[in-house]
Amino acid sequence: MPVAILKDRRIHCEWRGAAPPGPKALVFLHDGLGAVGSWRAVPEQIADRAGLPALVFDRLGYGRSSPRADFPFGFMEAEVEPLRELLDGLGVERGCLIGHSDGGSIALLFAVAYPARAPCVVTEAAHVFVERETQAGIQALVDLQEAGQTPAWLAKLHGVRGEDVLRAWSRGWLTAEHARWTIERPVGGVRCPLLVIQGDRDEFGTLAQVEAILRQAPQGERWVAPGCGHTPHAQAEGDFVARVADFVARQRP
């Protein structure tokens, strides 16, 4: 598996799919508590249908990448430049961005900052402002951790650092400062084709997120995944793969 070094920090990367790595790729951005493993077999399925390689990686602080101690205010905006540096280092000139939750927010911000490098964007349960539902969902995870019942999937994704990842990330999300965070206006700078996905039973946000994104980027398409919570790519994998692969193929990146 390739490892990228960004400013002395290790970033774990994997290439998926039959197509060899090249200047055009699908770039998958995991959620706020996720890692490479969160995507399951979804990247290679979409990659093979689209005829492009898929890049999946653990952002700083996650999975097998170098640790981080905190998530200060603006941490999603701060991921844009490291993503550019990673793509530069791996020779990816144009990346169709597919982002889940925090990763979807980062994908939108990257497309605004580097429009020529993002031929299309897919967001899944992205946040563009903070809702009470999001805070309540995160607080529920914190309560489980404090009760000694941290979900086992955190250890599967992050190993012994699972507890630390939840503690640091939740602390960043639940600050009074972050409660006022919004990227609604910047999303108006997204000019590329956009597919906005959210489950109709998302426990970490409402469909107001979808409406806010499409108000600012009316060229976008939407798919509200019926019966799905925060992870349609896992809860409706077949439909997710088919819809995303079709969307990417229509853009001919």
Protein backbone atom coordinates (compact mmCIF):
# COMPACT_ATOMS: atom_id res chain seq x y z
CA MET A 1 0.00 0.00 0.00
CA PRO A 2 1.40 3.46 -0.86
CA VAL A 3 2.28 5.90 1.87
CA ALA A 4 2.44 9.64 1.23
CA ILE A 5 4.54 11.88 3.45
CA LEU A 6 3.16 15.39 3.95
CA LYS A 7 5.37 17.62 6.07
CA ASP A 8 6.82 14.61 7.92
CA ARG A 9 3.38 13.13 8.50
CA ARG A 10 2.40 9.71 7.21
CA ILE A 11 -0.79 9.43 5.12
CA HIS A 12 -1.97 5.90 4.42
CA CYS A 13 -3.33 5.53 0.86
CA GLU A 14 -4.76 2.70 -1.21
CA TRP A 15 -5.54 2.41 -4.90
CA ARG A 16 -8.64 0.40 -5.73
CA GLY A 17 -10.14 -0.92 -8.95
CA ALA A 18 -8.77 -2.47 -12.12
CA ALA A 19 -7.57 0.75 -13.76
CA PRO A 20 -3.94 1.70 -12.98
CA PRO A 21 -3.22 4.91 -11.04
CA GLY A 22 -3.11 7.95 -13.29
CA PRO A 23 -3.77 11.68 -13.60
CA LYS A 24 -7.54 11.16 -13.47
CA ALA A 25 -9.08 9.33 -10.53
CA LEU A 26 -11.99 8.96 -8.17
CA VAL A 27 -11.02 10.36 -4.77
CA PHE A 28 -12.90 9.08 -1.73
CA LEU A 29 -13.04 11.19 1.45
CA HIS A 30 -14.22 9.35 4.56
CA ASP A 31 -16.44 10.69 7.33
CA GLY A 32 -15.45 12.34 10.60
CA LEU A 33 -14.92 9.09 12.49
CA GLY A 34 -14.10 6.98 9.46
CA ALA A 35 -11.08 5.62 7.64
CA VAL A 36 -10.24 3.65 4.51
CA GLY A 37 -12.19 0.67 5.86
CA SER A 38 -15.39 2.69 6.16
CA TRP A 39 -15.88 2.48 2.40
CA ARG A 40 -15.94 -1.34 2.34
CA ALA A 41 -15.84 -2.52 -1.31
CA VAL A 42 -17.66 0.53 -2.67
CA PRO A 43 -14.64 2.35 -4.23
CA GLU A 44 -13.54 -0.54 -6.44
CA GLN A 45 -17.10 -1.22 -7.57
CA ILE A 46 -17.61 2.38 -8.69
CA ALA A 47 -14.09 2.55 -10.13
CA ASP A 48 -14.58 -0.51 -12.32
CA ARG A 49 -17.90 0.75 -13.64
CA ALA A 50 -16.46 4.19 -14.34
CA GLY A 51 -13.19 2.90 -15.80
CA LEU A 52 -11.11 5.03 -13.43
CA PRO A 53 -8.79 4.20 -10.52
CA ALA A 54 -10.07 4.95 -7.03
CA LEU A 55 -7.92 6.59 -4.38
CA VAL A 56 -8.91 6.02 -0.76
CA PHE A 57 -6.85 7.31 2.15
CA ASP A 58 -6.89 7.95 5.88
CA ARG A 59 -6.79 11.66 6.61
CA LEU A 60 -4.36 12.90 9.24
CA GLY A 61 -5.42 11.58 12.63
CA TYR A 62 -7.32 8.58 11.29
CA GLY A 63 -6.73 4.89 10.64
CA ARG A 64 -3.12 4.17 9.75
CA SER A 65 -2.09 7.79 9.14
CA SER A 66 -0.16 9.87 11.65
CA PRO A 67 -2.12 10.89 14.77
CA ARG A 68 -3.41 14.33 15.62
CA ALA A 69 -4.30 15.79 19.00
CA ASP A 70 -7.20 18.06 18.15
CA PHE A 71 -9.70 19.36 15.60
CA PRO A 72 -9.69 23.15 16.02
CA PHE A 73 -12.33 25.46 14.59
CA GLY A 74 -12.21 25.41 10.80
CA PHE A 75 -10.68 21.95 10.67
CA MET A 76 -12.62 20.98 7.53
CA GLU A 77 -11.48 24.09 5.66
CA ALA A 78 -7.94 23.27 6.80
CA GLU A 79 -8.11 19.90 4.97
CA VAL A 80 -8.21 21.51 1.52
CA GLU A 81 -4.49 22.22 1.18
CA PRO A 82 -3.35 18.82 2.52
CA LEU A 83 -5.68 17.20 -0.03
CA ARG A 84 -4.11 19.23 -2.83
CA GLU A 85 -0.65 18.28 -1.63
CA LEU A 86 -1.61 14.62 -1.50
CA LEU A 87 -3.01 14.67 -5.03
CA ASP A 88 0.10 16.49 -6.27
CA GLY A 89 2.33 13.89 -4.64
CA LEU A 90 0.41 11.01 -6.18
CA GLY A 91 0.23 12.57 -9.63
CA VAL A 92 -3.55 13.07 -9.65
CA GLU A 93 -4.34 16.14 -11.73
CA ARG A 94 -8.14 15.81 -11.72
CA GLY A 95 -10.17 13.97 -9.11
CA CYS A 96 -13.87 13.24 -9.02
CA LEU A 97 -14.47 13.74 -5.31
CA ILE A 98 -16.79 11.40 -3.41
CA GLY A 99 -17.10 12.50 0.20
CA HIS A 100 -19.07 11.17 3.16
CA SER A 101 -20.20 13.48 5.99
CA ASP A 102 -17.17 15.63 6.97
CA GLY A 103 -15.54 14.27 3.81
CA GLY A 104 -18.42 15.62 1.74
CA SER A 105 -17.97 19.06 3.27
CA ILE A 106 -14.25 18.91 2.45
CA ALA A 107 -15.06 17.87 -1.12
CA LEU A 108 -17.26 20.93 -1.59
CA LEU A 109 -14.58 23.23 -0.18
CA PHE A 110 -11.91 21.70 -2.43
CA ALA A 111 -14.10 22.14 -5.53
CA VAL A 112 -14.48 25.84 -4.69
CA ALA A 113 -10.75 26.33 -4.12
CA TYR A 114 -9.55 24.25 -7.10
CA PRO A 115 -12.35 24.08 -9.66
CA ALA A 116 -10.08 22.89 -12.48
CA ARG A 117 -9.07 19.86 -10.42
CA ALA A 118 -12.57 18.73 -9.45
CA PRO A 119 -14.55 17.72 -12.55
CA CYS A 120 -17.43 16.50 -10.40
CA VAL A 121 -18.40 16.06 -6.75
CA VAL A 122 -20.60 13.55 -4.93
CA THR A 123 -21.56 14.34 -1.35
CA GLU A 124 -23.11 11.83 1.03
CA ALA A 125 -24.59 13.28 4.24
CA ALA A 126 -22.40 16.38 3.95
CA HIS A 127 -22.70 19.20 6.50
CA VAL A 128 -22.80 22.86 5.47
CA PHE A 129 -24.00 24.14 8.85
CA VAL A 130 -24.42 22.68 12.33
CA GLU A 131 -27.78 21.20 13.35
CA ARG A 132 -29.01 20.12 16.76
CA GLU A 133 -29.45 16.63 15.32
CA THR A 134 -25.75 16.46 14.51
CA GLN A 135 -24.73 17.64 17.95
CA ALA A 136 -27.13 15.18 19.60
CA GLY A 137 -25.82 12.28 17.54
CA ILE A 138 -22.24 13.08 18.45
CA GLN A 139 -23.10 13.60 22.11
CA ALA A 140 -24.72 10.15 22.15
CA LEU A 141 -21.40 8.63 21.05
CA VAL A 142 -19.58 10.60 23.74
CA ASP A 143 -22.03 9.35 26.34
CA LEU A 144 -21.37 5.77 25.28
CA GLN A 145 -17.63 6.34 25.55
CA GLU A 146 -17.95 7.85 29.02
CA ALA A 147 -20.05 4.85 30.06
CA GLY A 148 -17.31 2.49 28.89
CA GLN A 149 -19.32 1.38 25.84
CA THR A 150 -17.34 2.89 22.96
CA PRO A 151 -18.61 1.33 19.70
CA ALA A 152 -16.38 -1.57 18.61
CA TRP A 153 -16.21 -0.32 15.03
CA LEU A 154 -13.92 2.51 16.12
CA ALA A 155 -11.23 0.02 17.10
CA LYS A 156 -11.70 -1.83 13.79
CA LEU A 157 -11.04 1.36 11.86
CA HIS A 158 -8.39 3.01 14.04
CA GLY A 159 -6.91 0.25 16.19
CA VAL A 160 -5.83 1.30 19.67
CA ARG A 161 -6.40 4.96 18.74
CA GLY A 162 -10.16 4.55 18.38
CA GLU A 163 -10.93 6.10 21.75
CA ASP A 164 -8.59 9.03 21.08
CA VAL A 165 -10.12 9.71 17.65
CA LEU A 166 -13.64 9.92 19.07
CA ARG A 167 -12.50 12.07 22.00
CA ALA A 168 -10.58 14.59 19.86
CA TRP A 169 -13.09 14.82 17.01
CA SER A 170 -16.16 15.13 19.21
CA ARG A 171 -14.45 17.81 21.29
CA GLY A 172 -13.95 19.84 18.11
CA TRP A 173 -17.50 19.36 16.87
CA LEU A 174 -19.20 20.17 20.18
CA THR A 175 -17.55 23.50 20.96
CA ALA A 176 -19.70 26.63 21.15
CA GLU A 177 -17.56 28.13 18.40
CA HIS A 178 -18.17 25.24 16.02
CA ALA A 179 -21.92 25.46 16.69
CA ARG A 180 -21.85 28.67 14.60
CA TRP A 181 -19.82 27.10 11.77
CA THR A 182 -21.25 27.31 8.25
CA ILE A 183 -19.99 26.95 4.69
CA GLU A 184 -23.31 27.68 2.99
CA ARG A 185 -22.08 30.79 1.16
CA PRO A 186 -18.80 29.28 -0.06
CA VAL A 187 -20.74 26.35 -1.58
CA GLY A 188 -22.10 28.86 -4.07
CA GLY A 189 -18.66 28.69 -5.68
CA VAL A 190 -19.14 25.07 -6.74
CA ARG A 191 -19.50 25.14 -10.51
CA CYS A 192 -18.92 21.49 -11.42
CA PRO A 193 -21.61 18.80 -11.71
CA LEU A 194 -22.75 17.79 -8.24
CA LEU A 195 -24.69 14.84 -6.82
CA VAL A 196 -26.05 15.38 -3.30
CA ILE A 197 -27.01 12.22 -1.38
CA GLN A 198 -28.60 11.84 2.03
CA GLY A 199 -30.63 9.18 3.81
CA ASP A 200 -34.16 10.14 4.75
CA ARG A 201 -33.51 8.77 8.26
CA ASP A 202 -30.10 10.31 8.82
CA GLU A 203 -29.48 10.39 12.55
CA PHE A 204 -26.79 13.07 12.23
CA GLY A 205 -28.59 15.64 10.09
CA THR A 206 -31.76 16.55 8.23
CA LEU A 207 -32.65 17.17 4.61
CA ALA A 208 -32.15 20.87 5.32
CA GLN A 209 -28.49 20.17 4.51
CA VAL A 210 -29.45 18.99 1.00
CA GLU A 211 -31.68 22.02 0.47
CA ALA A 212 -28.94 24.39 1.63
CA ILE A 213 -26.39 22.89 -0.75
CA LEU A 214 -28.75 22.98 -3.73
CA ARG A 215 -29.83 26.54 -3.00
CA GLN A 216 -26.24 27.59 -3.44
CA ALA A 217 -25.42 25.11 -6.23
CA PRO A 218 -28.69 24.70 -8.18
CA GLN A 219 -26.96 22.70 -10.91
CA GLY A 220 -26.73 19.81 -8.48
CA GLU A 221 -28.74 16.61 -8.57
CA ARG A 222 -30.13 14.92 -5.47
CA TRP A 223 -30.83 11.40 -4.28
CA VAL A 224 -32.63 10.99 -0.97
CA ALA A 225 -31.98 7.35 -0.09
CA PRO A 226 -35.18 5.81 1.30
CA GLY A 227 -34.92 4.03 4.63
CA CYS A 228 -31.26 4.99 5.06
CA GLY A 229 -29.52 6.70 7.93
CA HIS A 230 -26.13 8.41 7.83
CA THR A 231 -24.39 5.84 5.59
CA PRO A 232 -26.33 5.07 2.38
CA HIS A 233 -23.16 3.60 0.86
CA ALA A 234 -23.40 0.81 3.44
CA GLN A 235 -27.16 0.67 3.98
CA ALA A 236 -28.11 0.72 0.28
CA GLU A 237 -24.79 -0.29 -1.27
CA GLY A 238 -26.12 -1.53 -4.62
CA ASP A 239 -28.20 1.57 -5.29
CA PHE A 240 -25.40 3.85 -4.10
CA VAL A 241 -22.83 2.23 -6.38
CA ALA A 242 -25.16 2.29 -9.40
CA ARG A 243 -26.20 5.92 -8.95
CA VAL A 244 -22.72 7.26 -8.27
CA ALA A 245 -21.14 5.26 -11.12
CA ASP A 246 -23.83 6.50 -13.53
CA PHE A 247 -23.33 10.10 -12.40
CA VAL A 248 -19.55 9.92 -12.81
CA ALA A 249 -19.84 8.24 -16.24
CA ARG A 250 -22.15 11.01 -17.48
CA GLN A 251 -19.54 13.63 -16.61
CA ARG A 252 -16.79 11.92 -18.65
CA PRO A 253 -14.04 13.25 -16.41
